[in-house]
């Protein structure tokens, strides 16, 4: 008896040997190539998500020579937020007098 993992991709698990394979009528064939391709795609995507935490690296699908753009964008954003907050506090101080 096999455990059905996915009806869509016809993937089963043999509980005695713990092998994953492709389902066929009354027999299973061990073919991990489609599963390995999907796992490789997921690993690339997860590495790209972890790479987003570094502002000086490029993303997977970004244009060439865009390394460091996240760091510059973060600096400019925080500079504008700081300038706005500073001007707001200055306006409150000046208008309260």
Protein backbone atom coordinates (compact mmCIF):
# COMPACT_ATOMS: atom_id res chain seq x y z
CA UNK A 1 0.00 0.00 0.00
CA UNK A 2 1.32 3.44 -0.93
CA UNK A 3 0.57 6.81 0.59
CA UNK A 4 -0.61 9.31 -2.01
CA UNK A 5 1.23 12.62 -1.68
CA UNK A 6 -0.21 14.43 -4.70
CA UNK A 7 -2.96 13.27 -7.06
CA UNK A 8 -2.19 16.09 -9.48
CA UNK A 9 1.47 15.10 -10.01
CA UNK A 10 0.86 11.38 -9.25
CA UNK A 11 3.43 11.24 -6.44
CA UNK A 12 3.30 8.45 -3.86
CA UNK A 13 5.30 7.39 -0.82
CA UNK A 14 6.19 3.78 -0.01
CA UNK A 15 5.91 3.57 3.80
CA UNK A 16 8.12 0.48 4.07
CA UNK A 17 11.16 1.91 2.28
CA UNK A 18 10.30 5.64 2.67
CA UNK A 19 10.92 6.28 -1.04
CA UNK A 20 8.99 8.84 -3.05
CA UNK A 21 8.07 7.98 -6.61
CA UNK A 22 5.71 8.50 -9.48
CA UNK A 23 2.46 6.55 -9.31
CA UNK A 24 1.39 4.12 -12.02
CA UNK A 25 -1.26 1.36 -12.00
CA UNK A 26 -0.15 -1.17 -9.34
CA UNK A 27 3.51 -0.07 -9.52
CA UNK A 28 5.57 2.99 -8.73
CA UNK A 29 8.66 4.28 -10.53
CA UNK A 30 11.19 6.34 -8.67
CA UNK A 31 11.62 9.56 -10.67
CA UNK A 32 12.65 12.56 -8.62
CA UNK A 33 13.65 14.86 -11.50
CA UNK A 34 10.40 16.93 -11.55
CA UNK A 35 10.42 17.23 -7.77
CA UNK A 36 14.11 18.21 -7.74
CA UNK A 37 13.47 20.97 -10.31
CA UNK A 38 10.69 22.45 -8.18
CA UNK A 39 12.87 22.23 -5.05
CA UNK A 40 15.71 23.99 -6.90
CA UNK A 41 13.31 26.77 -7.94
CA UNK A 42 12.13 27.16 -4.34
CA UNK A 43 15.73 27.28 -3.11
CA UNK A 44 16.55 30.07 -5.59
CA UNK A 45 13.50 32.04 -4.46
CA UNK A 46 14.27 31.56 -0.75
CA UNK A 47 17.92 32.59 -1.31
CA UNK A 48 16.65 35.70 -3.11
CA UNK A 49 14.36 36.53 -0.17
CA UNK A 50 17.26 36.17 2.24
CA UNK A 51 19.39 38.31 -0.10
CA UNK A 52 16.82 41.10 0.14
CA UNK A 53 17.92 41.60 3.74
CA UNK A 54 21.32 42.78 2.46
CA UNK A 55 20.87 46.27 0.96
CA UNK A 56 24.07 46.04 -1.07
CA UNK A 57 23.23 42.91 -3.06
CA UNK A 58 21.12 42.57 -6.16
CA UNK A 59 17.84 40.71 -6.43
CA UNK A 60 17.23 37.67 -8.64
CA UNK A 61 15.19 39.36 -11.40
CA UNK A 62 16.59 42.87 -11.14
CA UNK A 63 18.32 44.74 -13.94
CA UNK A 64 22.11 44.48 -14.19
CA UNK A 65 24.30 46.88 -12.16
CA UNK A 66 21.56 47.56 -9.60
CA UNK A 67 23.55 46.39 -6.60
CA UNK A 68 23.28 48.81 -3.71
CA UNK A 69 20.11 50.52 -4.91
CA UNK A 70 18.16 49.33 -1.85
CA UNK A 71 20.74 50.93 0.45
CA UNK A 72 20.56 54.24 -1.39
CA UNK A 73 16.75 54.16 -1.48
CA UNK A 74 16.60 53.46 2.26
CA UNK A 75 19.00 56.32 2.98
CA UNK A 76 17.00 58.80 0.90
CA UNK A 77 13.71 57.64 2.44
CA UNK A 78 14.97 58.03 5.99
CA UNK A 79 16.51 61.42 5.13
CA UNK A 80 13.13 62.68 3.86
CA UNK A 81 11.31 61.26 6.90
CA UNK A 82 13.81 62.90 9.24
CA UNK A 83 13.62 66.21 7.41
CA UNK A 84 9.81 66.15 7.51
CA UNK A 85 9.73 65.27 11.21
CA UNK A 86 12.32 67.95 12.00
CA UNK A 87 10.44 70.64 10.08
CA UNK A 88 7.19 69.57 11.75
CA UNK A 89 8.70 69.87 15.23
CA UNK A 90 10.29 73.21 14.30
CA UNK A 91 6.91 74.50 13.05
CA UNK A 92 5.23 73.42 16.29
CA UNK A 93 7.90 75.18 18.35
CA UNK A 94 7.75 78.39 16.28
CA UNK A 95 3.95 78.60 16.18
CA UNK A 96 3.58 77.91 19.87
CA UNK A 97 5.53 81.05 20.74
